[in-house]
Every structure is written in structure tokens, then in C-alpha cells.
Amino acid sequence: MSEPNTKGPDQTPSNADLGTELRELGQQIEQAVRRTLESEQAKNLQRDISAGMREIGTQLQAALHQLREDQRVQNLAERGQQALNQARESQAVKDFQDALTRGISQLNAQLTAYIERQQTGGTGSTETPSATSTQRVPIEHEPTTGETTRLDPKKDEW
């Protein structure tokens, strides 16, 4: 580091001394980190980690290849695809999507109104105080989903 502090115990170092010491500390830390990263141990560790990652990649590829070849996995994938196709065609999914779309549309409208009120400072609103303090939301009394349909009618239980 720099010269030892030769001031007495009652004296404090000046701001310039503090700045110099902090700069030198930063340089020392930078040199220590560089030397550590450039050391032979760090290079060996990097090589070991790289070799380990390559081995993991090789093992994962072999495992995926085995899974692709496994008939049970192929059957499961086919059943999953069939279930997904049935769900896409299901009225319940369409109803849910419609309800979700309506809900998001209402949320967007409310957010737009809120943003407009915030931009005008909240004073330019033409609504009455009772209209801004409460809101009427229509409630549908009809079911929003259709009848539940079993995907595999041959099975009676899970």
C-alpha cells in the first residue's frame, strides 16, 4: 500500500489521503483478482468444469435418445397430443377463453380510465363521486363452462 500513516492518534487523514488509499485499495483488489483468475489452479478448474459440462451434455443426449426410442414414452406423447387436440376443440375451453377475453377487456378499459384520470390530475373527471367510488359489474347467472366430458370413456376412475 502507501506509506504508513505518520499522523498522531489525535489527527485524522485528509480527504485526499482517503481518496488515495481507496484508489490504491481498488488497484490491489483488481490485481489480486486478476492473478487469481490467471493462476494455474483457476485454469485447471475451468478445464475440469468444461469437461464435466461436456460429459453432462453427452449423458443427457443419450438419455433423450433412449426416451425417444421407448414405446411407453411414444404412447404417452400420442395420448397427450390427443388430449390436447380434444381440449382445443372443447366448448368449455372456448367458453373459458371468451370469459377470459371479456375479463381482460374490462381490466384494460378500467386501466385506461385510471391512466386518463392520473394524466388529468384527477380533477378533470366528469363522473359523479358516487360513480367513481363504486362500480357495477354484471354477473352472469348462466354457467360459464359446458358439461364435463371424459377424455377416455373406457376408464371409470383415475
N, C-alpha and C. Protein backbone atom coordinates (compact mmCIF):
# COMPACT_ATOMS: atom_id res chain seq x y z
N MET A 1 0.84 -1.17 0.00
CA MET A 1 0.00 0.00 0.00
C MET A 1 0.88 1.23 0.00
N SER A 2 0.40 2.35 0.50
CA SER A 2 1.18 3.57 0.54
C SER A 2 1.91 3.66 1.87
N GLU A 3 2.54 4.79 2.06
CA GLU A 3 3.29 4.98 3.30
C GLU A 3 2.37 4.85 4.50
N PRO A 4 2.89 4.31 5.61
CA PRO A 4 2.05 4.22 6.80
C PRO A 4 1.68 5.62 7.28
N ASN A 5 0.58 5.71 7.95
CA ASN A 5 0.07 6.98 8.45
C ASN A 5 0.99 7.43 9.58
N THR A 6 1.63 8.59 9.37
CA THR A 6 2.57 9.09 10.37
C THR A 6 1.94 10.12 11.27
N LYS A 7 0.66 10.33 11.13
CA LYS A 7 -0.01 11.32 11.97
C LYS A 7 -0.27 10.73 13.34
N GLY A 8 -0.38 11.56 14.29
CA GLY A 8 -0.63 11.12 15.66
C GLY A 8 -2.04 10.62 15.82
N PRO A 9 -2.37 10.01 16.98
CA PRO A 9 -3.69 9.48 17.21
C PRO A 9 -4.78 10.53 17.21
N ASP A 10 -4.45 11.84 17.51
CA ASP A 10 -5.47 12.88 17.54
C ASP A 10 -5.77 13.42 16.15
N GLN A 11 -4.93 13.13 15.15
CA GLN A 11 -5.11 13.71 13.83
C GLN A 11 -5.82 12.71 12.91
N THR A 12 -6.67 13.24 12.02
CA THR A 12 -7.36 12.38 11.06
C THR A 12 -6.77 12.62 9.69
N PRO A 13 -6.75 11.60 8.86
CA PRO A 13 -6.23 11.79 7.50
C PRO A 13 -7.16 12.72 6.71
N SER A 14 -6.62 13.44 5.77
CA SER A 14 -7.42 14.36 4.97
C SER A 14 -8.20 13.59 3.92
N ASN A 15 -9.12 14.28 3.27
CA ASN A 15 -9.93 13.65 2.23
C ASN A 15 -9.06 13.16 1.08
N ALA A 16 -7.99 13.90 0.77
CA ALA A 16 -7.10 13.49 -0.32
C ALA A 16 -6.43 12.16 0.03
N ASP A 17 -6.02 12.01 1.29
CA ASP A 17 -5.39 10.77 1.72
C ASP A 17 -6.38 9.62 1.64
N LEU A 18 -7.62 9.87 2.02
CA LEU A 18 -8.64 8.83 1.96
C LEU A 18 -8.89 8.42 0.52
N GLY A 19 -8.99 9.38 -0.37
CA GLY A 19 -9.19 9.08 -1.78
C GLY A 19 -8.03 8.28 -2.35
N THR A 20 -6.81 8.63 -1.98
CA THR A 20 -5.63 7.92 -2.46
C THR A 20 -5.63 6.49 -1.95
N GLU A 21 -5.96 6.34 -0.67
CA GLU A 21 -5.99 4.99 -0.08
C GLU A 21 -7.06 4.12 -0.73
N LEU A 22 -8.25 4.70 -0.97
CA LEU A 22 -9.32 3.93 -1.61
C LEU A 22 -8.94 3.53 -3.03
N ARG A 23 -8.30 4.45 -3.77
CA ARG A 23 -7.86 4.13 -5.12
C ARG A 23 -6.83 3.00 -5.10
N GLU A 24 -5.89 3.09 -4.17
CA GLU A 24 -4.87 2.04 -4.07
C GLU A 24 -5.49 0.71 -3.66
N LEU A 25 -6.47 0.74 -2.76
CA LEU A 25 -7.16 -0.49 -2.35
C LEU A 25 -7.86 -1.12 -3.56
N GLY A 26 -8.52 -0.31 -4.38
CA GLY A 26 -9.17 -0.82 -5.58
C GLY A 26 -8.17 -1.46 -6.53
N GLN A 27 -7.02 -0.84 -6.70
CA GLN A 27 -5.99 -1.41 -7.58
C GLN A 27 -5.46 -2.73 -7.03
N GLN A 28 -5.27 -2.78 -5.73
CA GLN A 28 -4.77 -4.00 -5.10
C GLN A 28 -5.79 -5.14 -5.27
N ILE A 29 -7.06 -4.85 -5.07
CA ILE A 29 -8.10 -5.87 -5.24
C ILE A 29 -8.13 -6.34 -6.68
N GLU A 30 -8.04 -5.39 -7.64
CA GLU A 30 -8.04 -5.75 -9.05
C GLU A 30 -6.87 -6.67 -9.38
N GLN A 31 -5.68 -6.35 -8.88
CA GLN A 31 -4.51 -7.20 -9.14
C GLN A 31 -4.67 -8.58 -8.53
N ALA A 32 -5.24 -8.63 -7.32
CA ALA A 32 -5.41 -9.92 -6.65
C ALA A 32 -6.40 -10.79 -7.43
N VAL A 33 -7.49 -10.20 -7.91
CA VAL A 33 -8.48 -10.96 -8.67
C VAL A 33 -7.89 -11.43 -10.00
N ARG A 34 -7.16 -10.54 -10.69
CA ARG A 34 -6.54 -10.92 -11.96
C ARG A 34 -5.57 -12.08 -11.78
N ARG A 35 -4.72 -11.98 -10.76
CA ARG A 35 -3.75 -13.05 -10.52
C ARG A 35 -4.43 -14.36 -10.18
N THR A 36 -5.53 -14.27 -9.42
CA THR A 36 -6.26 -15.48 -9.07
C THR A 36 -6.87 -16.11 -10.30
N LEU A 37 -7.48 -15.28 -11.17
CA LEU A 37 -8.10 -15.81 -12.38
C LEU A 37 -7.07 -16.36 -13.36
N GLU A 38 -5.89 -15.80 -13.36
CA GLU A 38 -4.85 -16.24 -14.28
C GLU A 38 -3.99 -17.36 -13.70
N SER A 39 -4.27 -17.76 -12.47
CA SER A 39 -3.45 -18.79 -11.84
C SER A 39 -3.68 -20.15 -12.48
N GLU A 40 -2.76 -21.04 -12.27
CA GLU A 40 -2.86 -22.39 -12.82
C GLU A 40 -4.05 -23.14 -12.20
N GLN A 41 -4.32 -22.90 -10.94
CA GLN A 41 -5.46 -23.55 -10.29
C GLN A 41 -6.77 -23.14 -10.95
N ALA A 42 -6.91 -21.85 -11.27
CA ALA A 42 -8.13 -21.37 -11.91
C ALA A 42 -8.27 -21.99 -13.30
N LYS A 43 -7.16 -22.09 -14.02
CA LYS A 43 -7.20 -22.69 -15.35
C LYS A 43 -7.58 -24.17 -15.26
N ASN A 44 -7.02 -24.87 -14.27
CA ASN A 44 -7.38 -26.28 -14.08
C ASN A 44 -8.85 -26.43 -13.74
N LEU A 45 -9.34 -25.56 -12.89
CA LEU A 45 -10.75 -25.59 -12.52
C LEU A 45 -11.64 -25.35 -13.74
N GLN A 46 -11.25 -24.39 -14.59
CA GLN A 46 -12.01 -24.14 -15.81
C GLN A 46 -12.04 -25.37 -16.70
N ARG A 47 -10.90 -26.02 -16.85
CA ARG A 47 -10.84 -27.22 -17.69
C ARG A 47 -11.71 -28.33 -17.10
N ASP A 48 -11.66 -28.49 -15.78
CA ASP A 48 -12.48 -29.53 -15.13
C ASP A 48 -13.97 -29.25 -15.31
N ILE A 49 -14.35 -27.99 -15.15
CA ILE A 49 -15.76 -27.63 -15.30
C ILE A 49 -16.20 -27.85 -16.75
N SER A 50 -15.37 -27.45 -17.71
CA SER A 50 -15.72 -27.65 -19.12
C SER A 50 -15.87 -29.13 -19.44
N ALA A 51 -14.95 -29.94 -18.95
CA ALA A 51 -15.03 -31.38 -19.21
C ALA A 51 -16.29 -31.96 -18.57
N GLY A 52 -16.61 -31.54 -17.36
CA GLY A 52 -17.81 -32.01 -16.67
C GLY A 52 -19.07 -31.62 -17.42
N MET A 53 -19.11 -30.40 -17.94
CA MET A 53 -20.28 -29.96 -18.69
C MET A 53 -20.43 -30.75 -19.99
N ARG A 54 -19.33 -31.04 -20.66
CA ARG A 54 -19.40 -31.85 -21.87
C ARG A 54 -19.92 -33.24 -21.55
N GLU A 55 -19.46 -33.82 -20.44
CA GLU A 55 -19.91 -35.16 -20.04
C GLU A 55 -21.41 -35.14 -19.72
N ILE A 56 -21.86 -34.10 -19.02
CA ILE A 56 -23.29 -33.99 -18.71
C ILE A 56 -24.09 -33.89 -20.01
N GLY A 57 -23.61 -33.09 -20.96
CA GLY A 57 -24.29 -32.96 -22.25
C GLY A 57 -24.39 -34.29 -22.97
N THR A 58 -23.32 -35.05 -22.95
CA THR A 58 -23.31 -36.36 -23.60
C THR A 58 -24.31 -37.30 -22.94
N GLN A 59 -24.33 -37.30 -21.62
CA GLN A 59 -25.25 -38.17 -20.90
C GLN A 59 -26.71 -37.77 -21.14
N LEU A 60 -26.97 -36.46 -21.19
CA LEU A 60 -28.34 -36.00 -21.46
C LEU A 60 -28.78 -36.40 -22.86
N GLN A 61 -27.90 -36.27 -23.82
CA GLN A 61 -28.26 -36.67 -25.18
C GLN A 61 -28.56 -38.16 -25.25
N ALA A 62 -27.76 -38.98 -24.56
CA ALA A 62 -28.00 -40.42 -24.56
C ALA A 62 -29.34 -40.73 -23.89
N ALA A 63 -29.64 -40.06 -22.79
CA ALA A 63 -30.90 -40.29 -22.08
C ALA A 63 -32.09 -39.87 -22.95
N LEU A 64 -31.97 -38.75 -23.64
CA LEU A 64 -33.05 -38.31 -24.52
C LEU A 64 -33.25 -39.28 -25.67
N HIS A 65 -32.18 -39.80 -26.20
CA HIS A 65 -32.28 -40.78 -27.29
C HIS A 65 -33.02 -42.03 -26.80
N GLN A 66 -32.69 -42.48 -25.59
CA GLN A 66 -33.36 -43.66 -25.04
C GLN A 66 -34.84 -43.38 -24.82
N LEU A 67 -35.16 -42.18 -24.34
CA LEU A 67 -36.57 -41.83 -24.12
C LEU A 67 -37.34 -41.79 -25.43
N ARG A 68 -36.73 -41.26 -26.48
CA ARG A 68 -37.42 -41.20 -27.77
C ARG A 68 -37.71 -42.60 -28.31
N GLU A 69 -36.83 -43.53 -28.01
CA GLU A 69 -36.99 -44.89 -28.52
C GLU A 69 -37.95 -45.72 -27.67
N ASP A 70 -38.23 -45.30 -26.45
CA ASP A 70 -39.07 -46.07 -25.53
C ASP A 70 -40.52 -46.00 -26.00
N GLN A 71 -41.14 -47.15 -26.20
CA GLN A 71 -42.52 -47.23 -26.69
C GLN A 71 -43.49 -46.59 -25.71
N ARG A 72 -43.25 -46.73 -24.41
CA ARG A 72 -44.15 -46.14 -23.42
C ARG A 72 -44.17 -44.62 -23.54
N VAL A 73 -43.01 -44.03 -23.77
CA VAL A 73 -42.94 -42.58 -23.92
C VAL A 73 -43.65 -42.15 -25.19
N GLN A 74 -43.49 -42.92 -26.26
CA GLN A 74 -44.18 -42.60 -27.51
C GLN A 74 -45.70 -42.67 -27.33
N ASN A 75 -46.17 -43.71 -26.63
CA ASN A 75 -47.61 -43.84 -26.35
C ASN A 75 -48.11 -42.66 -25.52
N LEU A 76 -47.34 -42.29 -24.53
CA LEU A 76 -47.71 -41.17 -23.67
C LEU A 76 -47.78 -39.87 -24.47
N ALA A 77 -46.83 -39.68 -25.35
CA ALA A 77 -46.83 -38.47 -26.18
C ALA A 77 -48.05 -38.44 -27.09
N GLU A 78 -48.41 -39.58 -27.66
CA GLU A 78 -49.59 -39.64 -28.52
C GLU A 78 -50.86 -39.34 -27.73
N ARG A 79 -50.98 -39.92 -26.54
CA ARG A 79 -52.15 -39.67 -25.72
C ARG A 79 -52.22 -38.20 -25.30
N GLY A 80 -51.08 -37.64 -25.00
CA GLY A 80 -51.04 -36.22 -24.63
C GLY A 80 -51.47 -35.34 -25.78
N GLN A 81 -51.02 -35.67 -26.98
CA GLN A 81 -51.41 -34.90 -28.17
C GLN A 81 -52.91 -35.02 -28.43
N GLN A 82 -53.46 -36.22 -28.25
CA GLN A 82 -54.89 -36.41 -28.44
C GLN A 82 -55.69 -35.59 -27.42
N ALA A 83 -55.26 -35.63 -26.18
CA ALA A 83 -55.94 -34.87 -25.13
C ALA A 83 -55.87 -33.37 -25.42
N LEU A 84 -54.73 -32.92 -25.90
CA LEU A 84 -54.58 -31.51 -26.23
C LEU A 84 -55.50 -31.12 -27.38
N ASN A 85 -55.59 -31.96 -28.39
CA ASN A 85 -56.48 -31.69 -29.52
C ASN A 85 -57.94 -31.66 -29.07
N GLN A 86 -58.33 -32.60 -28.21
CA GLN A 86 -59.71 -32.61 -27.71
C GLN A 86 -59.99 -31.37 -26.89
N ALA A 87 -59.02 -30.95 -26.09
CA ALA A 87 -59.21 -29.76 -25.26
C ALA A 87 -59.36 -28.51 -26.12
N ARG A 88 -58.60 -28.45 -27.20
CA ARG A 88 -58.69 -27.30 -28.10
C ARG A 88 -60.08 -27.21 -28.74
N GLU A 89 -60.67 -28.35 -29.02
CA GLU A 89 -61.97 -28.38 -29.67
C GLU A 89 -63.12 -28.30 -28.67
N SER A 90 -62.84 -28.39 -27.41
CA SER A 90 -63.87 -28.43 -26.38
C SER A 90 -64.58 -27.09 -26.24
N GLN A 91 -65.89 -27.15 -26.04
CA GLN A 91 -66.69 -25.95 -25.84
C GLN A 91 -66.30 -25.27 -24.52
N ALA A 92 -65.94 -26.06 -23.52
CA ALA A 92 -65.55 -25.50 -22.23
C ALA A 92 -64.32 -24.61 -22.39
N VAL A 93 -63.36 -25.05 -23.19
CA VAL A 93 -62.15 -24.25 -23.41
C VAL A 93 -62.51 -22.96 -24.14
N LYS A 94 -63.40 -23.07 -25.13
CA LYS A 94 -63.82 -21.88 -25.87
C LYS A 94 -64.55 -20.90 -24.95
N ASP A 95 -65.42 -21.44 -24.10
CA ASP A 95 -66.14 -20.58 -23.15
C ASP A 95 -65.18 -19.91 -22.18
N PHE A 96 -64.21 -20.67 -21.70
CA PHE A 96 -63.22 -20.10 -20.78
C PHE A 96 -62.44 -19.00 -21.47
N GLN A 97 -62.04 -19.24 -22.71
CA GLN A 97 -61.28 -18.25 -23.46
C GLN A 97 -62.11 -16.98 -23.66
N ASP A 98 -63.40 -17.14 -23.97
CA ASP A 98 -64.28 -15.99 -24.13
C ASP A 98 -64.41 -15.21 -22.83
N ALA A 99 -64.61 -15.92 -21.72
CA ALA A 99 -64.75 -15.25 -20.42
C ALA A 99 -63.45 -14.54 -20.05
N LEU A 100 -62.34 -15.17 -20.30
CA LEU A 100 -61.04 -14.56 -20.00
C LEU A 100 -60.84 -13.32 -20.87
N THR A 101 -61.21 -13.40 -22.13
CA THR A 101 -61.09 -12.26 -23.03
C THR A 101 -61.94 -11.09 -22.55
N ARG A 102 -63.17 -11.38 -22.15
CA ARG A 102 -64.05 -10.31 -21.64
C ARG A 102 -63.46 -9.69 -20.37
N GLY A 103 -62.95 -10.53 -19.49
CA GLY A 103 -62.38 -10.02 -18.24
C GLY A 103 -61.16 -9.14 -18.50
N ILE A 104 -60.31 -9.56 -19.40
CA ILE A 104 -59.12 -8.76 -19.71
C ILE A 104 -59.52 -7.46 -20.40
N SER A 105 -60.55 -7.53 -21.25
CA SER A 105 -61.04 -6.32 -21.91
C SER A 105 -61.55 -5.31 -20.88
N GLN A 106 -62.30 -5.79 -19.89
CA GLN A 106 -62.80 -4.91 -18.84
C GLN A 106 -61.64 -4.33 -18.03
N LEU A 107 -60.66 -5.15 -17.74
CA LEU A 107 -59.49 -4.67 -16.99
C LEU A 107 -58.75 -3.60 -17.79
N ASN A 108 -58.60 -3.83 -19.10
CA ASN A 108 -57.94 -2.82 -19.94
C ASN A 108 -58.71 -1.51 -19.94
N ALA A 109 -60.02 -1.59 -20.01
CA ALA A 109 -60.84 -0.38 -20.00
C ALA A 109 -60.69 0.37 -18.68
N GLN A 110 -60.68 -0.37 -17.58
CA GLN A 110 -60.51 0.27 -16.27
C GLN A 110 -59.13 0.90 -16.13
N LEU A 111 -58.11 0.21 -16.62
CA LEU A 111 -56.75 0.76 -16.56
C LEU A 111 -56.63 2.01 -17.43
N THR A 112 -57.27 1.99 -18.59
CA THR A 112 -57.25 3.17 -19.47
C THR A 112 -57.90 4.35 -18.76
N ALA A 113 -59.04 4.13 -18.13
CA ALA A 113 -59.73 5.19 -17.41
C ALA A 113 -58.87 5.70 -16.25
N TYR A 114 -58.22 4.81 -15.55
CA TYR A 114 -57.36 5.20 -14.43
C TYR A 114 -56.20 6.06 -14.93
N ILE A 115 -55.58 5.62 -16.03
CA ILE A 115 -54.44 6.37 -16.58
C ILE A 115 -54.88 7.76 -17.02
N GLU A 116 -56.05 7.84 -17.65
CA GLU A 116 -56.57 9.14 -18.08
C GLU A 116 -56.83 10.04 -16.88
N ARG A 117 -57.39 9.47 -15.81
CA ARG A 117 -57.62 10.27 -14.59
C ARG A 117 -56.31 10.76 -14.00
N GLN A 118 -55.29 9.92 -14.02
CA GLN A 118 -53.99 10.30 -13.47
C GLN A 118 -53.34 11.39 -14.31
N GLN A 119 -53.49 11.31 -15.63
CA GLN A 119 -52.89 12.30 -16.52
C GLN A 119 -53.56 13.66 -16.37
N THR A 120 -54.85 13.66 -16.09
CA THR A 120 -55.55 14.94 -15.92
C THR A 120 -55.47 15.42 -14.48
N GLY A 121 -54.77 14.70 -13.64
CA GLY A 121 -54.64 15.11 -12.26
C GLY A 121 -55.83 14.75 -11.41
N GLY A 122 -56.73 13.99 -11.93
CA GLY A 122 -57.89 13.54 -11.17
C GLY A 122 -58.97 14.59 -11.05
N THR A 123 -58.73 15.82 -11.56
CA THR A 123 -59.73 16.87 -11.41
C THR A 123 -60.60 17.03 -12.64
N GLY A 124 -60.18 16.51 -13.76
CA GLY A 124 -60.95 16.69 -14.99
C GLY A 124 -62.01 15.62 -15.20
N SER A 125 -62.32 14.85 -14.21
CA SER A 125 -63.29 13.78 -14.37
C SER A 125 -64.70 14.34 -14.44
N THR A 126 -65.48 13.82 -15.37
CA THR A 126 -66.87 14.28 -15.50
C THR A 126 -67.81 13.36 -14.74
N GLU A 127 -67.28 12.32 -14.12
CA GLU A 127 -68.13 11.37 -13.41
C GLU A 127 -68.50 11.95 -12.05
N THR A 128 -69.63 11.52 -11.54
CA THR A 128 -70.04 11.94 -10.21
C THR A 128 -69.23 11.15 -9.19
N PRO A 129 -69.09 11.66 -7.96
CA PRO A 129 -68.31 10.95 -6.95
C PRO A 129 -68.85 9.56 -6.68
N SER A 130 -70.18 9.38 -6.73
CA SER A 130 -70.72 8.05 -6.45
C SER A 130 -70.36 7.07 -7.57
N ALA A 131 -70.22 7.57 -8.79
CA ALA A 131 -69.90 6.70 -9.91
C ALA A 131 -68.45 6.25 -9.84
N THR A 132 -67.57 7.09 -9.28
CA THR A 132 -66.16 6.70 -9.20
C THR A 132 -65.87 5.87 -7.97
N SER A 133 -66.71 5.94 -6.95
CA SER A 133 -66.42 5.18 -5.74
C SER A 133 -66.93 3.75 -5.81
N THR A 134 -67.94 3.50 -6.63
CA THR A 134 -68.44 2.14 -6.79
C THR A 134 -68.56 1.84 -8.26
N GLN A 135 -68.64 0.58 -8.55
CA GLN A 135 -68.76 0.18 -9.94
C GLN A 135 -69.73 -0.97 -10.02
N ARG A 136 -70.54 -0.96 -11.03
CA ARG A 136 -71.47 -2.05 -11.25
C ARG A 136 -70.86 -3.02 -12.24
N VAL A 137 -70.72 -4.25 -11.81
CA VAL A 137 -70.18 -5.30 -12.66
C VAL A 137 -71.29 -6.31 -12.89
N PRO A 138 -71.64 -6.56 -14.15
CA PRO A 138 -72.72 -7.53 -14.41
C PRO A 138 -72.28 -8.93 -14.03
N ILE A 139 -73.20 -9.65 -13.42
CA ILE A 139 -72.93 -11.02 -13.02
C ILE A 139 -73.78 -11.94 -13.87
N GLU A 140 -73.12 -12.86 -14.53
CA GLU A 140 -73.85 -13.80 -15.36
C GLU A 140 -74.30 -14.96 -14.50
N HIS A 141 -75.55 -15.33 -14.61
CA HIS A 141 -76.06 -16.42 -13.81
C HIS A 141 -76.04 -17.74 -14.56
N GLU A 142 -75.69 -17.68 -15.82
CA GLU A 142 -75.58 -18.91 -16.60
C GLU A 142 -74.21 -19.52 -16.35
N PRO A 143 -74.12 -20.84 -16.41
CA PRO A 143 -72.81 -21.47 -16.23
C PRO A 143 -71.85 -21.00 -17.32
N THR A 144 -70.59 -20.79 -16.95
CA THR A 144 -69.61 -20.32 -17.92
C THR A 144 -68.85 -21.46 -18.57
N THR A 145 -69.08 -22.68 -18.10
CA THR A 145 -68.42 -23.82 -18.72
C THR A 145 -69.48 -24.82 -19.17
N GLY A 146 -69.08 -25.62 -20.10
CA GLY A 146 -70.00 -26.64 -20.59
C GLY A 146 -69.94 -27.88 -19.73
N GLU A 147 -70.62 -28.89 -20.17
CA GLU A 147 -70.65 -30.15 -19.46
C GLU A 147 -69.27 -30.80 -19.51
N THR A 148 -68.88 -31.45 -18.43
CA THR A 148 -67.58 -32.12 -18.38
C THR A 148 -67.64 -33.38 -19.22
N THR A 149 -66.65 -33.54 -20.09
CA THR A 149 -66.59 -34.69 -20.97
C THR A 149 -65.35 -35.49 -20.64
N ARG A 150 -65.53 -36.78 -20.39
CA ARG A 150 -64.41 -37.66 -20.10
C ARG A 150 -63.58 -37.87 -21.35
N LEU A 151 -62.25 -37.76 -21.24
CA LEU A 151 -61.38 -37.93 -22.38
C LEU A 151 -61.27 -39.39 -22.78
N ASP A 152 -61.31 -40.27 -21.80
CA ASP A 152 -61.20 -41.70 -22.07
C ASP A 152 -62.45 -42.37 -21.49
N PRO A 153 -63.51 -42.55 -22.29
CA PRO A 153 -64.76 -43.09 -21.74
C PRO A 153 -64.64 -44.52 -21.26
N LYS A 154 -63.59 -45.22 -21.62
CA LYS A 154 -63.41 -46.62 -21.19
C LYS A 154 -63.03 -46.71 -19.72
N LYS A 155 -62.38 -45.69 -19.21
CA LYS A 155 -61.95 -45.71 -17.82
C LYS A 155 -63.00 -45.05 -16.94
N ASP A 156 -63.35 -45.72 -15.84
CA ASP A 156 -64.34 -45.16 -14.93
C ASP A 156 -63.69 -44.41 -13.79
N GLU A 157 -62.42 -44.65 -13.56
CA GLU A 157 -61.74 -43.98 -12.46
C GLU A 157 -60.34 -43.62 -12.89
N TRP A 158 -59.73 -42.78 -12.15
CA TRP A 158 -58.37 -42.31 -12.45
C TRP A 158 -57.44 -43.33 -11.95
